[in-house]
Amino acid sequence: MKIKKILIANRGEIAIRVMKSAGKMKIRTVAIRTAAESGAMYLSFADEIFDNSEDVSDIPVFLDIDKLISIALKTGSDAVHPGYGFLSENAYFAQKCFDNKIIFIGPSPDAIYKMGNKTIARRLALKIGIPMAMGSAGNISDVEEALATASKIGYPVIIKAASGGGGRGMRIVRKEEEMERMFSTASKEAEKAFNDPSVFIEKYIENPKHIEFQILGDTKGNIIHLGERECSIQRKHQKLLEEAPSCALDPELRRVMGNMAVQIASAVNYHSAGTVEFLLDSDKNFYFMEMNTRIQVEHPVTEAITGIDLIEQQIRIAEGEQLSMKQEDIKLKGWAIECRINAEDVQAGFAPAPGKIENLSMPADSYVRVDTGIEPGSIILASFDSMIAKLIITGKDRKEAIKNCKMALDKVWIKGTKTTLPFFRMLVRNQKFQDGTFTTAFIEKDIEKCYLNSEYEEMLAAWLATKLFVEENLQEDSINVDFENGKEMSPWLLNKRINQF
């Protein structure tokens, strides 16, 4: 069945991303206007807008299943794309779409449920022989059981939410005295984030790399992987930078891990785009973590090295099409790095920094792709995620991608709120990052806190403000932005330029 109209059950950059692919396929899209973002950028990319701005309830419309179904029916949408976050991994939402004869652009409710519940996913992985870290057989009911389990497998252990992901409901416990507090905190956080307080326990693997494989499956039983992404640069178990491929994998390890990823997806008859996540230790042993049954924030780096539009593939699969490619057709070409530019205060431990974006400028070089739902005047709300933009940078190899990343980051200007830009500018110049030996412990152990300052960012903002002032008052572009090809703009050179005016 050909889809004619898609309701985008999401907002921000992912809503725009879906609308762009749908537009290329001549499919109409519907966006939802909310009271909180009545003039949001994503609305301008839709063919239709459903005005829900009079609804001021505490529950965002993107989390209200009955309302979303009602909007889909009222607008004549024959499909719904959930994006990521919100209800994208909610089996009940997928089932409600099916019950109302609306195509859910994602996997089946059964696959979402089985992979979304981490304890069920663990059992499936063990059954088919996927390597796993030692852990509890199921959910842990109380602190006493948690203590007994941790004693059996040995500290350190990690408590994880049985539902959901994104680093919520996760706590590392290094000694027995910490268990009661950590168990309570993880369970409460899981309940708040996923409406499910259930948690389980695994052996905590020290300083691993976080490697994930992109999966595509159709409704005919064909499943392939599109290679891996390296996601080890994290804070609070949440990703900041991703790259594809990973310099930690050789062709044979990629083949073995990729095959394992396909096997776990096959175990639930998976269709649509999905991601299988692993931890890789220093001895190249890998362990299944979880499967995310949705499009990932970091999907553009896979698109960059494969040339495959993952949103288009999701839509075609939802229409019942068979995959047009086989595993042997997938070739990884070049290197791609994604920086998540968030409104966060790096010095305050990456705390959210909501506020109004007064002005911003992004690079337009051939090696850069910018995915954003933010423009001058946009408000970064505390109630939504803090993302401003995703900067996706490519190169013929990792060395060139890092070089291009340095130049691209130095061309980004954002005024109005603190951002993660100072962190990324430091990161791409860090030797451990450049040689690829970093792990998930990088932010905690390997960076010098004194380098995490916003002085450079403030100079950029000051320069941009000066440039705009001169343009507005002299009616000419008196200050030229001159980034020479291949030459980095240092803070000292930038400061010299500022002082000239």
Protein backbone atom coordinates (compact mmCIF):
# COMPACT_ATOMS: atom_id res chain seq x y z
CA MET A 1 0.00 0.00 0.00
CA LYS A 2 1.39 3.37 -1.05
CA ILE A 3 1.39 5.97 1.71
CA LYS A 4 -0.20 9.29 0.76
CA LYS A 5 0.02 11.34 3.94
CA ILE A 6 2.18 11.01 7.08
CA LEU A 7 1.41 12.53 10.46
CA ILE A 8 4.73 13.43 12.11
CA ALA A 9 4.25 12.54 15.78
CA ASN A 10 7.31 14.55 16.77
CA ARG A 11 8.94 17.96 16.64
CA GLY A 12 12.29 19.66 16.01
CA GLU A 13 15.02 18.44 13.69
CA ILE A 14 13.74 14.87 13.35
CA ALA A 15 10.34 16.13 12.21
CA ILE A 16 12.09 18.17 9.50
CA ARG A 17 14.28 15.20 8.59
CA VAL A 18 11.22 12.99 8.00
CA MET A 19 9.44 15.72 6.06
CA LYS A 20 12.39 16.12 3.68
CA SER A 21 12.49 12.43 2.75
CA ALA A 22 8.71 12.23 2.48
CA GLY A 23 8.75 15.28 0.20
CA LYS A 24 11.25 13.58 -2.13
CA MET A 25 8.84 10.65 -2.30
CA LYS A 26 5.87 12.96 -3.09
CA ILE A 27 4.19 12.07 0.20
CA ARG A 28 2.34 14.84 2.07
CA THR A 29 3.18 15.49 5.71
CA VAL A 30 1.23 16.87 8.66
CA ALA A 31 2.90 18.69 11.57
CA ILE A 32 1.35 19.50 14.93
CA ARG A 33 1.45 23.05 16.26
CA THR A 34 1.76 23.20 20.05
CA ALA A 35 1.22 26.02 22.52
CA ALA A 36 4.84 25.74 23.66
CA GLU A 37 6.24 26.12 20.11
CA SER A 38 3.55 27.86 18.12
CA GLY A 39 6.06 29.31 15.66
CA ALA A 40 8.59 26.47 15.59
CA MET A 41 10.81 26.02 12.55
CA TYR A 42 9.61 22.47 11.81
CA LEU A 43 6.10 23.71 11.04
CA SER A 44 7.31 25.51 7.91
CA PHE A 45 8.46 22.24 6.33
CA ALA A 46 5.07 20.50 6.54
CA ASP A 47 2.38 20.41 3.85
CA GLU A 48 -0.33 20.74 6.50
CA ILE A 49 -0.42 21.94 10.09
CA PHE A 50 -2.83 20.67 12.71
CA ASP A 51 -3.32 23.43 15.25
CA ASN A 52 -3.19 22.01 18.76
CA SER A 53 -1.97 25.23 20.35
CA GLU A 54 -5.08 25.71 22.47
CA ASP A 55 -4.25 22.50 24.36
CA VAL A 56 -2.23 23.55 27.41
CA SER A 57 -2.37 20.25 29.31
CA ASP A 58 0.68 19.05 31.22
CA ILE A 59 1.10 16.05 28.91
CA PRO A 60 2.70 17.01 25.55
CA VAL A 61 0.57 15.98 22.58
CA PHE A 62 3.52 13.86 21.39
CA LEU A 63 2.95 11.60 24.42
CA ASP A 64 -0.84 11.46 24.15
CA ILE A 65 -1.69 8.31 22.19
CA ASP A 66 -5.43 8.89 21.92
CA LYS A 67 -4.95 12.48 20.76
CA LEU A 68 -2.38 11.49 18.13
CA ILE A 69 -4.69 8.81 16.75
CA SER A 70 -7.52 11.37 16.67
CA ILE A 71 -5.34 13.90 14.80
CA ALA A 72 -4.25 11.24 12.28
CA LEU A 73 -7.88 10.35 11.58
CA LYS A 74 -9.03 14.00 11.39
CA THR A 75 -6.28 14.92 8.93
CA GLY A 76 -6.74 11.83 6.78
CA SER A 77 -3.20 10.65 7.48
CA ASP A 78 -2.80 7.02 6.49
CA ALA A 79 0.56 6.70 8.31
CA VAL A 80 2.37 7.98 11.39
CA HIS A 81 6.11 8.47 11.79
CA PRO A 82 7.13 8.65 15.47
CA GLY A 83 10.72 9.90 14.97
CA TYR A 84 12.84 9.21 18.05
CA GLY A 85 12.01 9.74 21.71
CA PHE A 86 8.41 10.35 22.83
CA LEU A 87 6.30 7.34 21.68
CA SER A 88 8.74 5.96 19.12
CA GLU A 89 9.31 2.77 21.14
CA ASN A 90 5.83 2.43 22.61
CA ALA A 91 4.26 -0.91 21.60
CA TYR A 92 0.78 0.25 22.65
CA PHE A 93 0.97 3.27 20.33
CA ALA A 94 2.03 1.04 17.42
CA GLN A 95 -0.85 -1.32 18.20
CA LYS A 96 -3.38 1.54 18.39
CA CYS A 97 -2.24 2.70 14.96
CA PHE A 98 -2.75 -0.81 13.61
CA ASP A 99 -6.21 -1.06 15.25
CA ASN A 100 -7.25 2.17 13.53
CA LYS A 101 -5.88 1.08 10.14
CA ILE A 102 -3.05 3.63 10.32
CA ILE A 103 0.41 2.51 9.17
CA PHE A 104 2.99 2.80 11.93
CA ILE A 105 6.32 3.58 10.27
CA GLY A 106 8.40 1.32 12.47
CA PRO A 107 8.55 -2.30 13.60
CA SER A 108 5.67 -4.46 14.82
CA PRO A 109 4.20 -3.93 18.31
CA ASP A 110 5.51 -7.38 19.26
CA ALA A 111 9.10 -6.53 18.27
CA ILE A 112 8.92 -3.18 20.08
CA TYR A 113 7.68 -4.87 23.23
CA LYS A 114 10.23 -7.69 23.23
CA MET A 115 13.22 -5.50 22.45
CA GLY A 116 11.96 -2.58 24.56
CA ASN A 117 11.86 -4.74 27.67
CA LYS A 118 15.55 -5.26 28.38
CA THR A 119 15.05 -8.42 30.46
CA ILE A 120 13.12 -10.10 27.62
CA ALA A 121 15.77 -8.93 25.15
CA ARG A 122 18.49 -10.45 27.35
CA ARG A 123 16.71 -13.81 27.44
CA LEU A 124 16.35 -13.82 23.65
CA ALA A 125 20.03 -12.94 23.19
CA LEU A 126 21.12 -15.71 25.57
CA LYS A 127 18.85 -18.22 23.83
CA ILE A 128 20.45 -17.66 20.43
CA GLY A 129 24.01 -17.46 21.78
CA ILE A 130 24.70 -13.72 21.64
CA PRO A 131 27.50 -12.85 24.11
CA MET A 132 26.15 -11.17 27.25
CA ALA A 133 27.63 -9.65 30.40
CA MET A 134 26.72 -11.62 33.54
CA GLY A 135 23.54 -10.37 35.16
CA SER A 136 20.19 -11.06 36.77
CA ALA A 137 17.87 -13.52 35.04
CA GLY A 138 15.02 -11.03 35.22
CA ASN A 139 13.88 -7.89 36.99
CA ILE A 140 15.11 -7.25 40.53
CA SER A 141 12.25 -6.85 42.99
CA ASP A 142 13.98 -5.25 45.99
CA VAL A 143 17.27 -4.18 47.54
CA GLU A 144 17.85 -7.57 49.20
CA GLU A 145 17.66 -9.34 45.84
CA ALA A 146 19.89 -6.67 44.32
CA LEU A 147 22.52 -7.21 47.01
CA ALA A 148 22.41 -10.99 46.55
CA THR A 149 22.75 -10.68 42.76
CA ALA A 150 25.63 -8.21 42.98
CA SER A 151 27.42 -10.45 45.47
CA LYS A 152 27.08 -13.38 43.08
CA ILE A 153 28.40 -11.64 39.95
CA GLY A 154 30.86 -9.31 41.72
CA TYR A 155 31.22 -5.55 41.92
CA PRO A 156 31.11 -3.21 40.12
CA VAL A 157 27.61 -3.74 38.75
CA ILE A 158 25.23 -1.51 36.82
CA ILE A 159 21.52 -1.13 37.55
CA LYS A 160 19.47 -0.57 34.38
CA ALA A 161 15.85 0.31 33.69
CA ALA A 162 14.00 -2.64 32.16
CA SER A 163 12.11 -0.25 29.87
CA GLY A 164 13.41 2.67 27.84
CA GLY A 165 16.96 3.84 27.41
CA GLY A 166 18.90 7.06 26.84
CA GLY A 167 20.87 6.66 30.06
CA ARG A 168 17.85 7.11 32.33
CA GLY A 169 17.37 4.69 35.21
CA MET A 170 21.02 3.63 35.12
CA ARG A 171 23.39 3.67 38.08
CA ILE A 172 26.84 2.16 38.62
CA VAL A 173 27.35 0.50 42.00
CA ARG A 174 30.94 -0.11 43.05
CA LYS A 175 30.45 -1.36 46.60
CA GLU A 176 27.78 -2.92 48.77
CA GLU A 177 27.16 0.22 50.86
CA GLU A 178 26.00 2.13 47.77
CA MET A 179 23.38 -0.40 46.66
CA GLU A 180 20.35 0.75 48.66
CA ARG A 181 20.66 4.37 47.56
CA MET A 182 21.49 3.57 43.92
CA PHE A 183 18.73 0.97 43.62
CA SER A 184 16.13 3.43 44.91
CA THR A 185 17.39 6.25 42.67
CA ALA A 186 17.48 4.10 39.51
CA SER A 187 14.02 2.65 40.15
CA LYS A 188 12.45 6.07 40.76
CA GLU A 189 14.12 7.55 37.72
CA ALA A 190 12.91 4.63 35.58
CA GLU A 191 9.36 5.08 36.81
CA LYS A 192 9.41 8.80 36.07
CA ALA A 193 10.94 8.39 32.61
CA PHE A 194 9.17 5.23 31.39
CA ASN A 195 6.22 4.73 33.77
CA ASP A 196 7.89 1.47 34.80
CA PRO A 197 10.09 1.19 37.92
CA SER A 198 11.45 -2.25 36.93
CA VAL A 199 15.23 -2.62 36.89
CA PHE A 200 17.76 -5.40 36.37
CA ILE A 201 21.46 -5.78 37.16
CA GLU A 202 24.48 -6.56 34.99
CA LYS A 203 28.19 -6.86 35.60
CA TYR A 204 29.66 -3.43 34.84
CA ILE A 205 32.34 -3.57 32.15
CA GLU A 206 35.02 -0.99 32.88
CA ASN A 207 36.14 1.40 30.13
CA PRO A 208 34.51 -0.29 27.10
CA LYS A 209 33.79 1.11 23.69
CA HIS A 210 30.14 1.54 22.74
CA ILE A 211 29.53 0.08 19.28
CA GLU A 212 26.15 -0.10 17.55
CA PHE A 213 25.01 -1.68 14.28
CA GLN A 214 22.37 -0.18 12.01
CA ILE A 215 19.76 -2.74 10.97
CA LEU A 216 17.26 -2.70 8.09
CA GLY A 217 14.61 -5.37 7.76
CA ASP A 218 11.57 -5.74 5.51
CA THR A 219 8.24 -7.52 6.04
CA LYS A 220 9.39 -10.40 3.78
CA GLY A 221 11.97 -11.65 6.29
CA ASN A 222 15.05 -10.00 4.77
CA ILE A 223 17.38 -8.36 7.31
CA ILE A 224 20.77 -6.72 6.72
CA HIS A 225 23.12 -4.43 8.62
CA LEU A 226 24.68 -1.22 7.33
CA GLY A 227 27.85 -1.32 9.38
CA GLU A 228 28.64 0.12 12.77
CA ARG A 229 28.77 3.43 14.58
CA GLU A 230 31.20 4.34 17.36
CA CYS A 231 29.30 6.05 20.20
CA SER A 232 31.83 6.06 23.05
CA ILE A 233 31.96 9.83 23.65
CA GLN A 234 29.22 10.08 26.28
CA ARG A 235 28.24 11.87 29.46
CA LYS A 236 25.73 10.44 31.93
CA HIS A 237 25.35 7.42 29.58
CA GLN A 238 24.08 9.77 26.85
CA LYS A 239 25.88 10.21 23.54
CA LEU A 240 27.58 13.44 22.47
CA LEU A 241 29.56 12.44 19.38
CA GLU A 242 29.21 9.49 17.03
CA GLU A 243 31.23 8.35 14.05
CA ALA A 244 31.02 5.72 11.36
CA PRO A 245 32.70 3.39 10.93
CA SER A 246 34.66 2.63 14.13
CA CYS A 247 38.44 2.46 14.12
CA ALA A 248 38.18 -0.29 16.79
CA LEU A 249 36.78 -2.86 14.34
CA ASP A 250 38.58 -4.76 11.63
CA PRO A 251 36.66 -6.41 8.76
CA GLU A 252 36.42 -9.78 10.52
CA LEU A 253 35.12 -8.35 13.81
CA ARG A 254 32.67 -6.21 11.84
CA ARG A 255 31.41 -9.33 10.06
CA VAL A 256 30.97 -11.29 13.30
CA MET A 257 29.27 -8.48 15.23
CA GLY A 258 27.12 -7.56 12.23
CA ASN A 259 25.94 -11.15 11.89
CA MET A 260 25.06 -11.23 15.61
CA ALA A 261 23.08 -8.00 15.21
CA VAL A 262 21.11 -9.51 12.33
CA GLN A 263 20.45 -12.66 14.40
CA ILE A 264 18.94 -10.79 17.34
CA ALA A 265 16.76 -8.77 14.94
CA SER A 266 15.67 -11.97 13.18
CA ALA A 267 14.64 -13.47 16.54
CA VAL A 268 11.72 -10.99 16.70
CA ASN A 269 10.96 -10.90 12.94
CA TYR A 270 12.16 -7.32 12.86
CA HIS A 271 11.23 -4.94 10.10
CA SER A 272 12.05 -1.21 9.64
CA ALA A 273 15.23 0.55 10.80
CA GLY A 274 16.68 -0.46 14.16
CA THR A 275 19.93 -0.42 16.08
CA VAL A 276 21.65 -3.22 17.98
CA GLU A 277 24.06 -1.96 20.64
CA PHE A 278 27.15 -3.69 22.03
CA LEU A 279 29.95 -3.01 24.49
CA LEU A 280 33.47 -3.86 23.29
CA ASP A 281 36.20 -4.43 25.88
CA SER A 282 39.95 -3.92 25.52
CA ASP A 283 40.42 -7.55 24.48
CA LYS A 284 37.92 -7.19 21.61
CA ASN A 285 35.26 -9.22 23.43
CA PHE A 286 31.80 -7.83 22.74
CA TYR A 287 28.57 -8.01 24.75
CA PHE A 288 24.97 -7.36 23.70
CA MET A 289 23.43 -4.34 25.44
CA GLU A 290 20.05 -3.64 23.86
CA MET A 291 18.17 -3.00 20.65
CA ASN A 292 16.59 0.36 19.87
CA THR A 293 13.47 -0.12 17.76
CA ARG A 294 13.44 3.29 16.09
CA ILE A 295 15.51 5.66 14.01
CA GLN A 296 18.51 6.89 16.01
CA VAL A 297 19.62 10.48 16.54
CA GLU A 298 22.96 9.52 14.99
CA HIS A 299 21.56 7.87 11.84
CA PRO A 300 23.08 10.53 9.49
CA VAL A 301 26.64 9.18 9.88
CA THR A 302 25.48 5.82 8.52
CA GLU A 303 23.69 7.58 5.66
CA ALA A 304 26.91 9.47 4.90
CA ILE A 305 29.10 6.35 4.50
CA THR A 306 26.51 4.13 2.76
CA GLY A 307 24.58 6.64 0.64
CA ILE A 308 21.30 5.13 1.91
CA ASP A 309 18.42 7.35 3.07
CA LEU A 310 17.23 5.52 6.19
CA ILE A 311 13.97 7.47 6.51
CA GLU A 312 13.10 6.64 2.91
CA GLN A 313 13.85 2.98 3.64
CA GLN A 314 11.58 3.09 6.70
CA ILE A 315 8.74 4.45 4.59
CA ARG A 316 9.25 1.94 1.78
CA ILE A 317 9.35 -0.96 4.24
CA ALA A 318 6.14 0.33 5.88
CA GLU A 319 4.53 0.32 2.42
CA GLY A 320 5.38 -3.38 2.14
CA GLU A 321 8.31 -3.09 -0.26
CA GLN A 322 11.08 -5.65 -0.23
CA LEU A 323 14.61 -4.42 0.49
CA SER A 324 16.27 -3.48 -2.77
CA MET A 325 19.72 -4.37 -1.42
CA LYS A 326 21.45 -7.43 0.01
CA GLN A 327 24.24 -7.65 2.56
CA GLU A 328 26.90 -8.00 -0.10
CA ASP A 329 25.68 -4.76 -1.70
CA ILE A 330 26.54 -2.67 1.37
CA LYS A 331 29.85 -0.85 0.94
CA LEU A 332 31.21 1.57 3.52
CA LYS A 333 32.84 4.58 1.88
CA GLY A 334 34.71 7.33 3.69
CA TRP A 335 34.25 8.50 7.29
CA ALA A 336 31.60 10.56 9.06
CA ILE A 337 31.46 12.29 12.46
CA GLU A 338 28.37 13.74 14.14
CA CYS A 339 28.58 16.40 16.86
CA ARG A 340 25.40 16.98 18.86
CA ILE A 341 25.40 20.71 19.53
CA ASN A 342 23.22 21.03 22.62
CA ALA A 343 22.20 23.97 24.79
CA GLU A 344 24.17 22.75 27.79
CA ASP A 345 26.60 24.27 30.25
CA VAL A 346 29.73 22.15 29.90
CA GLN A 347 31.33 23.56 33.04
CA ALA A 348 28.24 22.65 35.06
CA GLY A 349 28.48 19.00 34.09
CA PHE A 350 26.56 19.38 30.81
CA ALA A 351 23.50 20.74 32.62
CA PRO A 352 20.70 21.93 30.30
CA ALA A 353 20.91 25.65 29.50
CA PRO A 354 17.47 26.61 28.13
CA GLY A 355 17.02 30.04 26.60
CA LYS A 356 16.42 32.03 23.43
CA ILE A 357 18.72 31.64 20.44
CA GLU A 358 19.40 35.24 19.50
CA ASN A 359 21.48 34.40 16.45
CA LEU A 360 23.36 31.54 14.88
CA SER A 361 25.36 30.69 11.81
CA MET A 362 26.27 27.27 10.47
CA PRO A 363 28.93 26.23 7.90
CA ALA A 364 27.84 25.45 4.36
CA ASP A 365 30.87 23.52 3.11
CA SER A 366 30.49 20.46 0.90
CA TYR A 367 31.80 18.21 3.69
CA VAL A 368 29.19 19.40 6.20
CA ARG A 369 25.53 18.46 6.69
CA VAL A 370 23.51 20.34 9.29
CA ASP A 371 20.32 18.85 10.72
CA THR A 372 18.51 21.39 12.87
CA GLY A 373 15.09 22.56 13.96
CA ILE A 374 16.40 25.81 15.42
CA GLU A 375 16.66 29.29 13.88
CA PRO A 376 17.24 32.80 15.28
CA GLY A 377 14.46 33.53 17.74
CA SER A 378 13.87 29.87 18.63
CA ILE A 379 13.44 29.02 22.29
CA ILE A 380 15.23 26.03 23.82
CA LEU A 381 12.66 24.78 26.30
CA ALA A 382 13.47 22.96 29.51
CA SER A 383 10.54 20.62 28.85
CA PHE A 384 12.04 19.29 25.58
CA ASP A 385 15.52 18.07 24.65
CA SER A 386 18.36 20.58 24.53
CA MET A 387 19.49 19.90 20.96
CA ILE A 388 20.26 22.90 18.78
CA ALA A 389 21.75 21.11 15.78
CA LYS A 390 23.59 18.04 14.59
CA LEU A 391 26.77 18.75 12.66
CA ILE A 392 27.65 15.83 10.37
CA ILE A 393 31.14 16.07 8.85
CA THR A 394 32.63 13.73 6.25
CA GLY A 395 36.07 12.92 4.89
CA LYS A 396 37.73 10.29 2.75
CA ASP A 397 39.18 8.77 5.95
CA ARG A 398 39.12 9.46 9.70
CA LYS A 399 42.08 11.82 9.61
CA GLU A 400 40.43 14.01 6.99
CA ALA A 401 37.05 13.84 8.75
CA ILE A 402 38.67 15.13 11.98
CA LYS A 403 40.46 17.90 10.07
CA ASN A 404 37.19 18.93 8.42
CA CYS A 405 35.44 18.71 11.79
CA LYS A 406 37.88 21.21 13.30
CA MET A 407 37.22 23.69 10.50
CA ALA A 408 33.46 23.20 10.59
CA LEU A 409 33.22 23.68 14.37
CA ASP A 410 35.23 26.90 14.10
CA LYS A 411 32.60 28.26 11.70
CA VAL A 412 29.65 27.70 14.01
CA TRP A 413 28.40 30.76 15.94
CA ILE A 414 25.57 30.62 18.42
CA LYS A 415 24.48 33.55 20.57
CA GLY A 416 21.96 33.41 23.39
CA THR A 417 22.80 30.32 25.43
CA LYS A 418 25.70 28.16 26.51
CA THR A 419 26.38 25.21 24.22
CA THR A 420 28.56 22.11 23.88
CA LEU A 421 30.69 23.82 21.19
CA PRO A 422 33.69 24.45 23.54
CA PHE A 423 33.74 20.76 24.41
CA PHE A 424 33.77 19.65 20.77
CA ARG A 425 36.47 22.15 19.80
CA MET A 426 38.61 20.72 22.58
CA LEU A 427 37.71 17.12 21.80
CA VAL A 428 38.77 17.09 18.14
CA ARG A 429 42.18 18.45 19.20
CA ASN A 430 42.65 15.83 21.94
CA GLN A 431 45.35 13.26 21.17
CA LYS A 432 43.41 10.34 22.65
CA PHE A 433 40.43 11.15 20.45
CA GLN A 434 42.61 11.57 17.40
CA ASP A 435 44.33 8.22 17.85
CA GLY A 436 41.02 6.42 18.56
CA THR A 437 41.96 4.94 21.94
CA PHE A 438 39.17 6.67 23.89
CA THR A 439 36.44 4.72 25.71
CA THR A 440 33.11 5.54 27.35
CA ALA A 441 35.12 6.77 30.36
CA PHE A 442 36.75 9.56 28.32
CA ILE A 443 34.84 12.49 29.83
CA GLU A 444 35.19 11.17 33.37
CA LYS A 445 38.86 10.25 33.23
CA ASP A 446 40.71 11.55 30.20
CA ILE A 447 39.96 15.23 29.75
CA GLU A 448 41.38 18.07 31.75
CA LYS A 449 38.55 20.08 33.25
CA CYS A 450 40.48 23.33 32.81
CA TYR A 451 40.01 23.05 29.05
CA LEU A 452 36.24 22.87 29.39
CA ASN A 453 35.64 26.61 29.36
CA SER A 454 33.41 28.83 27.28
CA GLU A 455 35.91 31.63 26.64
CA TYR A 456 36.29 30.67 22.98
CA GLU A 457 32.54 30.46 22.53
CA GLU A 458 32.06 33.87 24.14
CA MET A 459 34.66 35.38 21.79
CA LEU A 460 32.84 33.91 18.80
CA ALA A 461 29.55 35.33 20.05
CA ALA A 462 31.18 38.72 20.64
CA TRP A 463 32.67 38.70 17.16
CA LEU A 464 29.35 37.83 15.58
CA ALA A 465 27.61 40.57 17.59
CA THR A 466 30.23 43.09 16.43
CA LYS A 467 29.87 41.97 12.83
CA LEU A 468 26.09 42.28 12.97
CA PHE A 469 26.35 45.74 14.59
CA VAL A 470 28.66 47.01 11.84
CA GLU A 471 26.46 45.53 9.10
CA GLU A 472 23.33 47.08 10.55
CA ASN A 473 24.87 50.51 11.12
CA LEU A 474 27.15 50.83 8.11
CA GLN A 475 24.87 48.94 5.69
CA GLU A 476 27.79 46.92 4.39
CA ASP A 477 29.65 43.80 5.22
CA SER A 478 32.66 45.54 6.77
CA ILE A 479 33.97 42.51 8.62
CA ASN A 480 34.72 39.64 6.33
CA VAL A 481 34.60 36.08 7.57
CA ASP A 482 37.85 34.71 6.20
CA PHE A 483 38.39 31.05 7.06
CA GLU A 484 41.20 29.97 4.77
CA ASN A 485 40.88 26.47 3.41
CA GLY A 486 42.54 24.03 5.77
CA LYS A 487 43.52 26.71 8.26
CA GLU A 488 42.10 26.69 11.79
CA MET A 489 40.87 29.88 13.47
CA SER A 490 42.54 29.92 16.88
CA PRO A 491 41.02 31.77 19.84
CA TRP A 492 44.06 34.08 19.85
CA LEU A 493 43.67 35.03 16.19
CA LEU A 494 39.96 35.50 16.75
CA ASN A 495 40.61 37.74 19.76
CA LYS A 496 43.04 39.81 17.65
CA ARG A 497 40.39 40.26 14.98
CA ILE A 498 37.81 41.31 17.56
CA ASN A 499 40.18 43.88 19.02
CA GLN A 500 40.67 45.44 15.59
CA PHE A 501 37.13 46.82 15.63
